[in-house]
PDB file of N, CA and C in Angstrom:
ATOM      1  N   MET A   1     166.753  41.530 117.919  1.00  0.00           N
ATOM      2  CA  MET A   1     165.494  41.786 117.448  1.00  0.00           C
ATOM      3  C   MET A   1     165.549  41.876 115.902  1.00  0.00           C
ATOM      4  N   ASN A   2     164.631  41.251 115.286  1.00  0.00           N
ATOM      5  CA  ASN A   2     164.582  41.251 113.767  1.00  0.00           C
ATOM      6  C   ASN A   2     163.618  42.393 113.199  1.00  0.00           C
ATOM      7  N   SER A   3     162.865  42.819 114.049  1.00  0.00           N
ATOM      8  CA  SER A   3     161.886  43.864 113.521  1.00  0.00           C
ATOM      9  C   SER A   3     162.594  45.179 113.237  1.00  0.00           C
ATOM     10  N   PRO A   4     162.071  45.982 112.238  1.00  0.00           N
ATOM     11  CA  PRO A   4     162.818  47.240 111.956  1.00  0.00           C
ATOM     12  C   PRO A   4     162.621  48.174 113.157  1.00  0.00           C
ATOM     13  N   ARG A   5     161.591  48.012 113.874  1.00  0.00           N
ATOM     14  CA  ARG A   5     161.422  48.957 115.033  1.00  0.00           C
ATOM     15  C   ARG A   5     162.295  48.489 116.256  1.00  0.00           C
ATOM     16  N   GLY A   6     163.043  47.457 116.130  1.00  0.00           N
ATOM     17  CA  GLY A   6     163.771  47.025 117.317  1.00  0.00           C
ATOM     18  C   GLY A   6     164.731  48.000 117.882  1.00  0.00           C
ATOM     19  N   ALA A   7     165.368  48.749 117.015  1.00  0.00           N
ATOM     20  CA  ALA A   7     166.277  49.726 117.419  1.00  0.00           C
ATOM     21  C   ALA A   7     165.718  50.878 118.217  1.00  0.00           C
ATOM     22  N   ALA A   8     164.397  51.158 117.930  1.00  0.00           N
ATOM     23  CA  ALA A   8     163.740  52.253 118.609  1.00  0.00           C
ATOM     24  C   ALA A   8     162.805  51.706 119.679  1.00  0.00           C
ATOM     25  N   SER A   9     163.002  50.579 120.210  1.00  0.00           N
ATOM     26  CA  SER A   9     162.105  50.046 121.248  1.00  0.00           C
ATOM     27  C   SER A   9     162.627  50.493 122.644  1.00  0.00           C
ATOM     28  N   PHE A  10     161.718  50.265 123.599  1.00  0.00           N
ATOM     29  CA  PHE A  10     162.158  50.551 124.932  1.00  0.00           C
ATOM     30  C   PHE A  10     161.923  49.497 125.859  1.00  0.00           C
ATOM     31  N   LEU A  11     162.907  48.551 125.865  1.00  0.00           N
ATOM     32  CA  LEU A  11     162.838  47.224 126.568  1.00  0.00           C
ATOM     33  C   LEU A  11     163.235  47.455 128.089  1.00  0.00           C
ATOM     34  N   ARG A  12     162.910  46.455 128.873  1.00  0.00           N
ATOM     35  CA  ARG A  12     163.283  46.578 130.240  1.00  0.00           C
ATOM     36  C   ARG A  12     164.773  46.717 130.440  1.00  0.00           C
ATOM     37  N   ALA A  13     165.575  46.133 129.529  1.00  0.00           N
ATOM     38  CA  ALA A  13     167.014  46.245 129.545  1.00  0.00           C
ATOM     39  C   ALA A  13     167.468  47.695 129.338  1.00  0.00           C
ATOM     40  N   HIS A  14     166.633  48.559 128.890  1.00  0.00           N
ATOM     41  CA  HIS A  14     166.938  49.925 128.539  1.00  0.00           C
ATOM     42  C   HIS A  14     166.513  50.875 129.636  1.00  0.00           C
ATOM     43  N   ARG A  15     166.129  50.371 130.849  1.00  0.00           N
ATOM     44  CA  ARG A  15     165.700  51.143 132.005  1.00  0.00           C
ATOM     45  C   ARG A  15     166.550  51.067 133.201  1.00  0.00           C
ATOM     46  N   VAL A  16     166.738  52.162 133.853  1.00  0.00           N
ATOM     47  CA  VAL A  16     167.371  52.191 135.207  1.00  0.00           C
ATOM     48  C   VAL A  16     166.164  51.866 136.132  1.00  0.00           C
ATOM     49  N   LEU A  17     166.280  50.746 136.850  1.00  0.00           N
ATOM     50  CA  LEU A  17     165.153  50.252 137.668  1.00  0.00           C
ATOM     51  C   LEU A  17     165.232  50.444 139.141  1.00  0.00           C
ATOM     52  N   THR A  18     166.396  49.943 139.630  1.00  0.00           N
ATOM     53  CA  THR A  18     166.522  49.754 141.112  1.00  0.00           C
ATOM     54  C   THR A  18     166.893  51.112 141.791  1.00  0.00           C
ATOM     55  N   LYS A  19     166.697  51.156 143.055  1.00  0.00           N
ATOM     56  CA  LYS A  19     167.213  52.197 143.881  1.00  0.00           C
ATOM     57  C   LYS A  19     168.699  52.377 143.725  1.00  0.00           C
ATOM     58  N   ALA A  20     169.410  51.233 143.861  1.00  0.00           N
ATOM     59  CA  ALA A  20     170.814  51.142 143.865  1.00  0.00           C
ATOM     60  C   ALA A  20     171.337  51.706 142.516  1.00  0.00           C
ATOM     61  N   GLU A  21     170.660  51.438 141.439  1.00  0.00           N
ATOM     62  CA  GLU A  21     171.167  51.951 140.129  1.00  0.00           C
ATOM     63  C   GLU A  21     170.952  53.530 140.079  1.00  0.00           C
ATOM     64  N   PHE A  22     169.760  54.082 140.583  1.00  0.00           N
ATOM     65  CA  PHE A  22     169.567  55.378 140.710  1.00  0.00           C
ATOM     66  C   PHE A  22     170.646  56.085 141.541  1.00  0.00           C
ATOM     67  N   ASP A  23     170.862  55.444 142.632  1.00  0.00           N
ATOM     68  CA  ASP A  23     171.887  55.998 143.619  1.00  0.00           C
ATOM     69  C   ASP A  23     173.214  56.217 142.977  1.00  0.00           C
ATOM     70  N   LEU A  24     173.701  55.192 142.178  1.00  0.00           N
ATOM     71  CA  LEU A  24     174.931  55.201 141.551  1.00  0.00           C
ATOM     72  C   LEU A  24     175.055  56.415 140.601  1.00  0.00           C
ATOM     73  N   VAL A  25     173.957  56.675 139.857  1.00  0.00           N
ATOM     74  CA  VAL A  25     173.868  57.819 138.961  1.00  0.00           C
ATOM     75  C   VAL A  25     173.985  59.170 139.697  1.00  0.00           C
ATOM     76  N   PHE A  26     173.210  59.197 140.818  1.00  0.00           N
ATOM     77  CA  PHE A  26     173.170  60.414 141.694  1.00  0.00           C
ATOM     78  C   PHE A  26     174.592  60.662 142.323  1.00  0.00           C
ATOM     79  N   GLN A  27     175.308  59.612 142.783  1.00  0.00           N
ATOM     80  CA  GLN A  27     176.529  59.718 143.470  1.00  0.00           C
ATOM     81  C   GLN A  27     177.685  60.003 142.527  1.00  0.00           C
ATOM     82  N   SER A  28     177.827  59.313 141.405  1.00  0.00           N
ATOM     83  CA  SER A  28     178.995  59.395 140.587  1.00  0.00           C
ATOM     84  C   SER A  28     178.722  60.022 139.170  1.00  0.00           C
ATOM     85  N   GLY A  29     177.568  60.463 139.022  1.00  0.00           N
ATOM     86  CA  GLY A  29     177.217  60.961 137.669  1.00  0.00           C
ATOM     87  C   GLY A  29     177.465  62.503 137.494  1.00  0.00           C
ATOM     88  N   LYS A  30     177.443  62.826 136.280  1.00  0.00           N
ATOM     89  CA  LYS A  30     177.588  64.301 135.890  1.00  0.00           C
ATOM     90  C   LYS A  30     176.217  64.723 135.392  1.00  0.00           C
ATOM     91  N   GLY A  31     175.935  66.065 135.228  1.00  0.00           N
ATOM     92  CA  GLY A  31     174.743  66.479 135.002  1.00  0.00           C
ATOM     93  C   GLY A  31     174.609  67.498 133.755  1.00  0.00           C
ATOM     94  N   ILE A  32     173.399  67.598 133.207  1.00  0.00           N
ATOM     95  CA  ILE A  32     173.018  68.591 132.211  1.00  0.00           C
ATOM     96  C   ILE A  32     171.824  69.274 132.781  1.00  0.00           C
ATOM     97  N   ARG A  33     171.886  70.599 132.924  1.00  0.00           N
ATOM     98  CA  ARG A  33     170.767  71.279 133.526  1.00  0.00           C
ATOM     99  C   ARG A  33     170.060  72.019 132.484  1.00  0.00           C
ATOM    100  N   ALA A  34     168.725  72.170 132.755  1.00  0.00           N
ATOM    101  CA  ALA A  34     167.811  73.011 131.872  1.00  0.00           C
ATOM    102  C   ALA A  34     166.799  73.589 132.802  1.00  0.00           C
ATOM    103  N   ARG A  35     165.968  74.541 132.393  1.00  0.00           N
ATOM    104  CA  ARG A  35     165.023  75.104 133.308  1.00  0.00           C
ATOM    105  C   ARG A  35     163.822  74.032 133.653  1.00  0.00           C
ATOM    106  N   THR A  36     163.512  73.183 132.758  1.00  0.00           N
ATOM    107  CA  THR A  36     162.410  72.225 132.904  1.00  0.00           C
ATOM    108  C   THR A  36     162.872  70.919 133.446  1.00  0.00           C
ATOM    109  N   HIS A  37     164.184  70.569 133.420  1.00  0.00           N
ATOM    110  CA  HIS A  37     164.598  69.216 133.911  1.00  0.00           C
ATOM    111  C   HIS A  37     166.149  69.249 134.264  1.00  0.00           C
ATOM    112  N   ARG A  38     166.580  68.173 134.746  1.00  0.00           N
ATOM    113  CA  ARG A  38     168.040  67.903 134.971  1.00  0.00           C
ATOM    114  C   ARG A  38     168.237  66.531 134.473  1.00  0.00           C
ATOM    115  N   ALA A  39     169.253  66.308 133.824  1.00  0.00           N
ATOM    116  CA  ALA A  39     169.635  64.977 133.223  1.00  0.00           C
ATOM    117  C   ALA A  39     170.985  64.609 133.838  1.00  0.00           C
ATOM    118  N   LEU A  40     170.985  63.543 134.692  1.00  0.00           N
ATOM    119  CA  LEU A  40     172.205  63.094 135.265  1.00  0.00           C
ATOM    120  C   LEU A  40     172.715  61.891 134.523  1.00  0.00           C
ATOM    121  N   PHE A  41     173.957  61.736 134.228  1.00  0.00           N
ATOM    122  CA  PHE A  41     174.448  60.542 133.464  1.00  0.00           C
ATOM    123  C   PHE A  41     175.707  60.023 134.052  1.00  0.00           C
ATOM    124  N   ARG A  42     175.844  58.650 133.896  1.00  0.00           N
ATOM    125  CA  ARG A  42     176.992  57.954 134.387  1.00  0.00           C
ATOM    126  C   ARG A  42     177.419  57.045 133.288  1.00  0.00           C
ATOM    127  N   PHE A  43     178.698  57.091 132.882  1.00  0.00           N
ATOM    128  CA  PHE A  43     179.176  56.178 131.827  1.00  0.00           C
ATOM    129  C   PHE A  43     179.118  54.688 132.246  1.00  0.00           C
ATOM    130  N   ARG A  44     178.902  53.797 131.291  1.00  0.00           N
ATOM    131  CA  ARG A  44     178.905  52.423 131.561  1.00  0.00           C
ATOM    132  C   ARG A  44     179.928  51.679 130.709  1.00  0.00           C
ATOM    133  N   GLU A  45     180.326  50.500 131.153  1.00  0.00           N
ATOM    134  CA  GLU A  45     181.284  49.756 130.451  1.00  0.00           C
ATOM    135  C   GLU A  45     180.694  48.804 129.426  1.00  0.00           C
ATOM    136  N   ASP A  46     179.378  48.368 129.655  1.00  0.00           N
ATOM    137  CA  ASP A  46     178.855  47.252 128.834  1.00  0.00           C
ATOM    138  C   ASP A  46     178.167  47.676 127.577  1.00  0.00           C
ATOM    139  N   GLY A  47     178.169  48.893 127.172  1.00  0.00           N
ATOM    140  CA  GLY A  47     177.726  49.255 125.889  1.00  0.00           C
ATOM    141  C   GLY A  47     176.265  49.589 125.774  1.00  0.00           C
ATOM    142  N   GLU A  48     175.544  49.416 126.904  1.00  0.00           N
ATOM    143  CA  GLU A  48     174.049  49.713 126.955  1.00  0.00           C
ATOM    144  C   GLU A  48     173.881  51.066 127.355  1.00  0.00           C
ATOM    145  N   THR A  49     172.729  51.689 126.883  1.00  0.00           N
ATOM    146  CA  THR A  49     172.329  53.024 127.242  1.00  0.00           C
ATOM    147  C   THR A  49     170.992  52.851 127.924  1.00  0.00           C
ATOM    148  N   ARG A  50     170.824  53.285 129.185  1.00  0.00           N
ATOM    149  CA  ARG A  50     169.581  53.122 129.937  1.00  0.00           C
ATOM    150  C   ARG A  50     168.998  54.414 130.456  1.00  0.00           C
ATOM    151  N   LEU A  51     167.758  54.451 130.625  1.00  0.00           N
ATOM    152  CA  LEU A  51     167.022  55.646 131.134  1.00  0.00           C
ATOM    153  C   LEU A  51     166.333  55.454 132.425  1.00  0.00           C
ATOM    154  N   GLY A  52     166.364  56.382 133.254  1.00  0.00           N
ATOM    155  CA  GLY A  52     165.532  56.456 134.512  1.00  0.00           C
ATOM    156  C   GLY A  52     164.801  57.697 134.524  1.00  0.00           C
ATOM    157  N   LEU A  53     163.587  57.682 135.064  1.00  0.00           N
ATOM    158  CA  LEU A  53     162.716  58.920 135.121  1.00  0.00           C
ATOM    159  C   LEU A  53     162.345  59.277 136.519  1.00  0.00           C
ATOM    160  N   ILE A  54     162.264  60.494 136.834  1.00  0.00           N
ATOM    161  CA  ILE A  54     161.882  61.069 138.079  1.00  0.00           C
ATOM    162  C   ILE A  54     160.879  62.170 137.645  1.00  0.00           C
ATOM    163  N   VAL A  55     159.571  61.969 137.955  1.00  0.00           N
ATOM    164  CA  VAL A  55     158.551  63.019 137.812  1.00  0.00           C
ATOM    165  C   VAL A  55     157.740  63.102 139.072  1.00  0.00           C
ATOM    166  N   PRO A  56     158.027  64.206 139.734  1.00  0.00           N
ATOM    167  CA  PRO A  56     157.397  64.321 141.144  1.00  0.00           C
ATOM    168  C   PRO A  56     155.979  64.574 141.082  1.00  0.00           C
ATOM    169  N   LYS A  57     155.278  63.787 142.019  1.00  0.00           N
ATOM    170  CA  LYS A  57     153.847  64.045 142.258  1.00  0.00           C
ATOM    171  C   LYS A  57     153.525  65.381 142.743  1.00  0.00           C
ATOM    172  N   LYS A  58     154.460  65.924 143.500  1.00  0.00           N
ATOM    173  CA  LYS A  58     154.243  67.168 144.269  1.00  0.00           C
ATOM    174  C   LYS A  58     154.124  68.275 143.085  1.00  0.00           C
ATOM    175  N   ALA A  59     154.875  68.141 141.996  1.00  0.00           N
ATOM    176  CA  ALA A  59     154.828  69.192 140.998  1.00  0.00           C
ATOM    177  C   ALA A  59     153.755  68.960 140.011  1.00  0.00           C
ATOM    178  N   PHE A  60     153.381  67.584 139.806  1.00  0.00           N
ATOM    179  CA  PHE A  60     152.470  67.277 138.844  1.00  0.00           C
ATOM    180  C   PHE A  60     151.445  66.306 139.592  1.00  0.00           C
ATOM    181  N   ALA A  61     150.332  66.908 140.122  1.00  0.00           N
ATOM    182  CA  ALA A  61     149.439  66.169 140.977  1.00  0.00           C
ATOM    183  C   ALA A  61     148.601  65.131 140.151  1.00  0.00           C
ATOM    184  N   ARG A  62     148.274  65.507 138.902  1.00  0.00           N
ATOM    185  CA  ARG A  62     147.446  64.609 138.088  1.00  0.00           C
ATOM    186  C   ARG A  62     148.273  63.623 137.407  1.00  0.00           C
ATOM    187  N   ALA A  63     147.863  62.366 137.483  1.00  0.00           N
ATOM    188  CA  ALA A  63     148.615  61.228 136.873  1.00  0.00           C
ATOM    189  C   ALA A  63     148.663  61.414 135.357  1.00  0.00           C
ATOM    190  N   VAL A  64     147.690  61.924 134.731  1.00  0.00           N
ATOM    191  CA  VAL A  64     147.723  62.104 133.284  1.00  0.00           C
ATOM    192  C   VAL A  64     148.842  63.100 132.958  1.00  0.00           C
ATOM    193  N   ASP A  65     149.201  64.087 133.771  1.00  0.00           N
ATOM    194  CA  ASP A  65     150.259  64.992 133.404  1.00  0.00           C
ATOM    195  C   ASP A  65     151.594  64.296 133.627  1.00  0.00           C
ATOM    196  N   ARG A  66     151.828  63.523 134.623  1.00  0.00           N
ATOM    197  CA  ARG A  66     152.981  62.836 134.846  1.00  0.00           C
ATOM    198  C   ARG A  66     153.267  61.820 133.737  1.00  0.00           C
ATOM    199  N   ASN A  67     152.173  61.086 133.352  1.00  0.00           N
ATOM    200  CA  ASN A  67     152.324  60.067 132.361  1.00  0.00           C
ATOM    201  C   ASN A  67     152.634  60.764 130.896  1.00  0.00           C
ATOM    202  N   ARG A  68     152.069  61.926 130.631  1.00  0.00           N
ATOM    203  CA  ARG A  68     152.411  62.617 129.471  1.00  0.00           C
ATOM    204  C   ARG A  68     153.845  63.014 129.323  1.00  0.00           C
ATOM    205  N   ILE A  69     154.400  63.515 130.478  1.00  0.00           N
ATOM    206  CA  ILE A  69     155.762  63.876 130.497  1.00  0.00           C
ATOM    207  C   ILE A  69     156.669  62.692 130.324  1.00  0.00           C
ATOM    208  N   LYS A  70     156.369  61.645 131.029  1.00  0.00           N
ATOM    209  CA  LYS A  70     157.163  60.425 130.980  1.00  0.00           C
ATOM    210  C   LYS A  70     157.218  59.934 129.494  1.00  0.00           C
ATOM    211  N   ARG A  71     155.963  59.956 128.857  1.00  0.00           N
ATOM    212  CA  ARG A  71     155.834  59.479 127.515  1.00  0.00           C
ATOM    213  C   ARG A  71     156.766  60.376 126.553  1.00  0.00           C
ATOM    214  N   LEU A  72     156.757  61.540 126.711  1.00  0.00           N
ATOM    215  CA  LEU A  72     157.638  62.477 125.945  1.00  0.00           C
ATOM    216  C   LEU A  72     159.084  62.148 126.108  1.00  0.00           C
ATOM    217  N   ILE A  73     159.580  61.910 127.312  1.00  0.00           N
ATOM    218  CA  ILE A  73     160.855  61.599 127.643  1.00  0.00           C
ATOM    219  C   ILE A  73     161.302  60.214 127.066  1.00  0.00           C
ATOM    220  N   ARG A  74     160.422  59.284 127.189  1.00  0.00           N
ATOM    221  CA  ARG A  74     160.729  57.866 126.695  1.00  0.00           C
ATOM    222  C   ARG A  74     160.794  57.994 125.155  1.00  0.00           C
ATOM    223  N   ASP A  75     159.827  58.795 124.492  1.00  0.00           N
ATOM    224  CA  ASP A  75     159.820  58.804 123.050  1.00  0.00           C
ATOM    225  C   ASP A  75     161.177  59.511 122.553  1.00  0.00           C
ATOM    226  N   GLY A  76     161.621  60.504 123.126  1.00  0.00           N
ATOM    227  CA  GLY A  76     162.925  61.165 122.836  1.00  0.00           C
ATOM    228  C   GLY A  76     164.044  60.195 122.956  1.00  0.00           C
ATOM    229  N   PHE A  77     164.051  59.452 124.076  1.00  0.00           N
ATOM    230  CA  PHE A  77     165.138  58.442 124.368  1.00  0.00           C
ATOM    231  C   PHE A  77     165.149  57.431 123.330  1.00  0.00           C
ATOM    232  N   ARG A  78     163.977  56.818 122.994  1.00  0.00           N
ATOM    233  CA  ARG A  78     163.908  55.797 121.957  1.00  0.00           C
ATOM    234  C   ARG A  78     164.470  56.299 120.637  1.00  0.00           C
ATOM    235  N   ARG A  79     164.159  57.479 120.213  1.00  0.00           N
ATOM    236  CA  ARG A  79     164.572  57.998 119.030  1.00  0.00           C
ATOM    237  C   ARG A  79     166.158  58.266 118.930  1.00  0.00           C
ATOM    238  N   GLN A  80     166.726  58.668 120.049  1.00  0.00           N
ATOM    239  CA  GLN A  80     168.105  59.108 120.246  1.00  0.00           C
ATOM    240  C   GLN A  80     169.030  58.040 120.775  1.00  0.00           C
ATOM    241  N   ARG A  81     168.539  56.934 121.244  1.00  0.00           N
ATOM    242  CA  ARG A  81     169.336  55.960 121.896  1.00  0.00           C
ATOM    243  C   ARG A  81     170.541  55.491 121.161  1.00  0.00           C
ATOM    244  N   ILE A  82     170.380  55.295 119.813  1.00  0.00           N
ATOM    245  CA  ILE A  82     171.421  54.724 119.053  1.00  0.00           C
ATOM    246  C   ILE A  82     172.600  55.808 119.016  1.00  0.00           C
ATOM    247  N   SER A  83     172.340  57.083 119.018  1.00  0.00           N
ATOM    248  CA  SER A  83     173.361  58.116 118.853  1.00  0.00           C
ATOM    249  C   SER A  83     173.914  58.572 120.216  1.00  0.00           C
ATOM    250  N   LEU A  84     173.418  58.015 121.363  1.00  0.00           N
ATOM    251  CA  LEU A  84     173.941  58.318 122.755  1.00  0.00           C
ATOM    252  C   LEU A  84     175.084  57.397 123.054  1.00  0.00           C
ATOM    253  N   PRO A  85     175.955  57.943 123.943  1.00  0.00           N
ATOM    254  CA  PRO A  85     176.990  57.002 124.378  1.00  0.00           C
ATOM    255  C   PRO A  85     176.543  55.995 125.503  1.00  0.00           C
ATOM    256  N   SER A  86     177.303  55.060 125.850  1.00  0.00           N
ATOM    257  CA  SER A  86     176.881  54.042 126.791  1.00  0.00           C
ATOM    258  C   SER A  86     176.798  54.620 128.181  1.00  0.00           C
ATOM    259  N   VAL A  87     175.623  55.093 128.644  1.00  0.00           N
ATOM    260  CA  VAL A  87     175.398  55.771 129.765  1.00  0.00           C
ATOM    261  C   VAL A  87     174.048  55.195 130.457  1.00  0.00           C
ATOM    262  N   ASP A  88     174.069  55.539 131.720  1.00  0.00           N
ATOM    263  CA  ASP A  88     172.794  55.493 132.529  1.00  0.00           C
ATOM    264  C   ASP A  88     172.346  56.959 132.621  1.00  0.00           C
ATOM    265  N   VAL A  89     171.120  57.288 132.129  1.00  0.00           N
ATOM    266  CA  VAL A  89     170.640  58.689 132.214  1.00  0.00           C
ATOM    267  C   VAL A  89     169.396  58.702 133.098  1.00  0.00           C
ATOM    268  N   VAL A  90     169.397  59.631 134.039  1.00  0.00           N
ATOM    269  CA  VAL A  90     168.214  59.845 134.921  1.00  0.00           C
ATOM    270  C   VAL A  90     167.724  61.239 134.613  1.00  0.00           C
ATOM    271  N   VAL A  91     166.563  61.351 134.130  1.00  0.00           N
ATOM    272  CA  VAL A  91     165.984  62.584 133.897  1.00  0.00           C
ATOM    273  C   VAL A  91     165.012  63.019 135.102  1.00  0.00           C
ATOM    274  N   GLN A  92     165.356  64.135 135.721  1.00  0.00           N
ATOM    275  CA  GLN A  92     164.542  64.599 136.875  1.00  0.00           C
ATOM    276  C   GLN A  92     163.748  65.822 136.347  1.00  0.00           C
ATOM    277  N   VAL A  93     162.449  65.762 136.333  1.00  0.00           N
ATOM    278  CA  VAL A  93     161.618  66.867 135.772  1.00  0.00           C
ATOM    279  C   VAL A  93     161.294  67.834 136.882  1.00  0.00           C
ATOM    280  N   ARG A  94     161.252  69.110 136.405  1.00  0.00           N
ATOM    281  CA  ARG A  94     160.908  70.188 137.430  1.00  0.00           C
ATOM    282  C   ARG A  94     159.531  70.664 137.129  1.00  0.00           C
ATOM    283  N   ALA A  95     158.918  71.488 138.025  1.00  0.00           N
ATOM    284  CA  ALA A  95     157.578  71.956 137.763  1.00  0.00           C
ATOM    285  C   ALA A  95     157.456  72.870 136.568  1.00  0.00           C
ATOM    286  N   GLU A  96     158.648  73.504 136.086  1.00  0.00           N
ATOM    287  CA  GLU A  96     158.574  74.318 134.906  1.00  0.00           C
ATOM    288  C   GLU A  96     158.316  73.585 133.640  1.00  0.00           C
ATOM    289  N   ALA A  97     158.278  72.260 133.766  1.00  0.00           N
ATOM    290  CA  ALA A  97     157.904  71.419 132.546  1.00  0.00           C
ATOM    291  C   ALA A  97     156.428  71.494 132.236  1.00  0.00           C
ATOM    292  N   ARG A  98     155.697  72.272 132.928  1.00  0.00           N
ATOM    293  CA  ARG A  98     154.252  72.543 132.569  1.00  0.00           C
ATOM    294  C   ARG A  98     154.161  73.176 131.295  1.00  0.00           C
ATOM    295  N   ASP A  99     155.169  74.108 130.882  1.00  0.00           N
ATOM    296  CA  ASP A  99     155.144  74.677 129.645  1.00  0.00           C
ATOM    297  C   ASP A  99     155.759  73.632 128.628  1.00  0.00           C
ATOM    298  N   ALA A 100     154.803  73.040 127.922  1.00  0.00           N
ATOM    299  CA  ALA A 100     155.078  71.875 127.056  1.00  0.00           C
ATOM    300  C   ALA A 100     156.026  72.216 125.963  1.00  0.00           C
ATOM    301  N   THR A 101     155.866  73.403 125.352  1.00  0.00           N
ATOM    302  CA  THR A 101     156.808  73.801 124.233  1.00  0.00           C
ATOM    303  C   THR A 101     158.144  73.934 124.761  1.00  0.00           C
ATOM    304  N   LEU A 102     158.373  74.643 125.859  1.00  0.00           N
ATOM    305  CA  LEU A 102     159.702  74.773 126.419  1.00  0.00           C
ATOM    306  C   LEU A 102     160.351  73.505 126.807  1.00  0.00           C
ATOM    307  N   PHE A 103     159.456  72.581 127.363  1.00  0.00           N
ATOM    308  CA  PHE A 103     160.026  71.273 127.768  1.00  0.00           C
ATOM    309  C   PHE A 103     160.483  70.549 126.679  1.00  0.00           C
ATOM    310  N   ARG A 104     159.676  70.436 125.560  1.00  0.00           N
ATOM    311  CA  ARG A 104     160.118  69.624 124.369  1.00  0.00           C
ATOM    312  C   ARG A 104     161.345  70.232 123.728  1.00  0.00           C
ATOM    313  N   THR A 105     161.543  71.584 123.715  1.00  0.00           N
ATOM    314  CA  THR A 105     162.667  72.162 123.176  1.00  0.00           C
ATOM    315  C   THR A 105     163.897  71.836 123.874  1.00  0.00           C
ATOM    316  N   GLU A 106     163.743  72.052 125.221  1.00  0.00           N
ATOM    317  CA  GLU A 106     164.958  71.735 126.096  1.00  0.00           C
ATOM    318  C   GLU A 106     165.337  70.257 126.160  1.00  0.00           C
ATOM    319  N   LEU A 107     164.346  69.391 126.121  1.00  0.00           N
ATOM    320  CA  LEU A 107     164.558  67.967 126.094  1.00  0.00           C
ATOM    321  C   LEU A 107     165.316  67.564 124.899  1.00  0.00           C
ATOM    322  N   ALA A 108     164.953  68.183 123.615  1.00  0.00           N
ATOM    323  CA  ALA A 108     165.634  67.851 122.505  1.00  0.00           C
ATOM    324  C   ALA A 108     167.092  68.322 122.531  1.00  0.00           C
ATOM    325  N   GLN A 109     167.336  69.531 123.120  1.00  0.00           N
ATOM    326  CA  GLN A 109     168.647  70.003 123.309  1.00  0.00           C
ATOM    327  C   GLN A 109     169.533  69.157 124.265  1.00  0.00           C
ATOM    328  N   THR A 110     168.852  68.576 125.212  1.00  0.00           N
ATOM    329  CA  THR A 110     169.572  67.682 126.168  1.00  0.00           C
ATOM    330  C   THR A 110     170.037  66.405 125.448  1.00  0.00           C
ATOM    331  N   TRP A 111     169.185  65.805 124.592  1.00  0.00           N
ATOM    332  CA  TRP A 111     169.571  64.571 123.938  1.00  0.00           C
ATOM    333  C   TRP A 111     170.792  64.871 122.972  1.00  0.00           C
ATOM    334  N   VAL A 112     170.785  65.996 122.358  1.00  0.00           N
ATOM    335  CA  VAL A 112     171.843  66.471 121.500  1.00  0.00           C
ATOM    336  C   VAL A 112     173.124  66.635 122.360  1.00  0.00           C
ATOM    337  N   ARG A 113     173.067  67.362 123.464  1.00  0.00           N
ATOM    338  CA  ARG A 113     174.252  67.578 124.354  1.00  0.00           C
ATOM    339  C   ARG A 113     174.747  66.278 124.915  1.00  0.00           C
ATOM    340  N   LEU A 114     173.849  65.386 125.279  1.00  0.00           N
ATOM    341  CA  LEU A 114     174.300  64.065 125.815  1.00  0.00           C
ATOM    342  C   LEU A 114     174.918  63.227 124.757  1.00  0.00           C
ATOM    343  N   GLY A 115     174.543  63.360 123.532  1.00  0.00           N
ATOM    344  CA  GLY A 115     175.141  62.577 122.391  1.00  0.00           C
ATOM    345  C   GLY A 115     176.627  62.988 122.165  1.00  0.00           C
ATOM    346  N   LYS A 116     176.920  64.194 122.583  1.00  0.00           N
ATOM    347  CA  LYS A 116     178.308  64.756 122.376  1.00  0.00           C
ATOM    348  C   LYS A 116     179.349  64.558 123.511  1.00  0.00           C
ATOM    349  N   VAL A 117     178.847  64.108 124.640  1.00  0.00           N
ATOM    350  CA  VAL A 117     179.741  63.858 125.816  1.00  0.00           C
ATOM    351  C   VAL A 117     180.599  62.746 125.597  1.00  0.00           C
ATOM    352  N   GLU A 118     181.864  62.899 126.080  1.00  0.00           N
ATOM    353  CA  GLU A 118     182.887  61.871 125.929  1.00  0.00           C
ATOM    354  C   GLU A 118     183.316  61.463 127.314  1.00  0.00           C
ATOM    355  N   PRO A 119     183.495  60.172 127.424  1.00  0.00           N
ATOM    356  CA  PRO A 119     183.919  59.598 128.726  1.00  0.00           C
ATOM    357  C   PRO A 119     185.441  60.043 129.050  1.00  0.00           C
ATOM    358  N   ASP A 120     185.601  60.416 130.358  1.00  0.00           N
ATOM    359  CA  ASP A 120     187.036  60.574 130.803  1.00  0.00           C
ATOM    360  C   ASP A 120     187.354  59.628 131.872  1.00  0.00           C
ATOM    361  N   ASP A 121     188.609  59.536 132.202  1.00  0.00           N
ATOM    362  CA  ASP A 121     189.039  58.553 133.164  1.00  0.00           C
ATOM    363  C   ASP A 121     188.250  58.734 134.629  1.00  0.00           C
ATOM    364  N   THR A 122     187.920  59.919 134.959  1.00  0.00           N
ATOM    365  CA  THR A 122     187.258  60.209 136.279  1.00  0.00           C
ATOM    366  C   THR A 122     185.829  59.768 136.291  1.00  0.00           C
ATOM    367  N   SER A 123     185.185  59.746 135.150  1.00  0.00           N
ATOM    368  CA  SER A 123     183.774  59.462 135.166  1.00  0.00           C
ATOM    369  C   SER A 123     183.323  58.120 134.697  1.00  0.00           C
ATOM    370  N   LYS A 124     184.331  57.325 134.298  1.00  0.00           N
ATOM    371  CA  LYS A 124     184.058  55.989 133.802  1.00  0.00           C
ATOM    372  C   LYS A 124     183.475  55.099 135.015  1.00  0.00           C
ATOM    373  N   ALA A 125     182.354  54.415 134.634  1.00  0.00           N
ATOM    374  CA  ALA A 125     181.691  53.658 135.629  1.00  0.00           C
ATOM    375  C   ALA A 125     182.586  52.428 136.081  1.00  0.00           C
ATOM    376  N   LYS A 126     182.572  52.203 137.359  1.00  0.00           N
ATOM    377  CA  LYS A 126     183.247  51.087 137.895  1.00  0.00           C
ATOM    378  C   LYS A 126     182.153  50.114 138.372  1.00  0.00           C
ATOM    379  N   PRO A 127     182.350  48.740 138.217  1.00  0.00           N
ATOM    380  CA  PRO A 127     181.290  47.867 138.660  1.00  0.00           C
ATOM    381  C   PRO A 127     181.113  47.956 140.134  1.00  0.00           C
ATOM    382  N   PRO A 128     179.808  47.880 140.684  1.00  0.00           N
ATOM    383  CA  PRO A 128     179.540  48.065 142.045  1.00  0.00           C
ATOM    384  C   PRO A 128     180.233  46.891 142.782  1.00  0.00           C
ATOM    385  N   ALA A 129     180.774  47.208 144.028  1.00  0.00           N
ATOM    386  CA  ALA A 129     181.462  46.216 144.776  1.00  0.00           C
ATOM    387  C   ALA A 129     180.572  45.319 145.560  1.00  0.00           C
TER     388      ALA A 129
END
């Protein structure tokens, strides 16, 4: 991409999309817990950093609330993607995220913590068979 905003974009290639990709993160990933959300991550070999979102309808009945939360997560991811390691990240939001101030604070802390993780031999992603 030649545009100055290219680094902060959120392309399809930056998303965890399929059930199989989500399952890999859930099965072999590590987690960062907060009161408002849980971030599971799995190291990748190809250098890409991707994001998956889980915002339950049961906890946030109104679509406007779910969309606001997803927008906040995507925005934080876009801003921090360059400083993050090569991982698939799945952010699973909890009902406590209704407190917007707490959610924003904890999400910012999660991106910082995720930026500091180092791959080890047991967590390295292996290509699916």
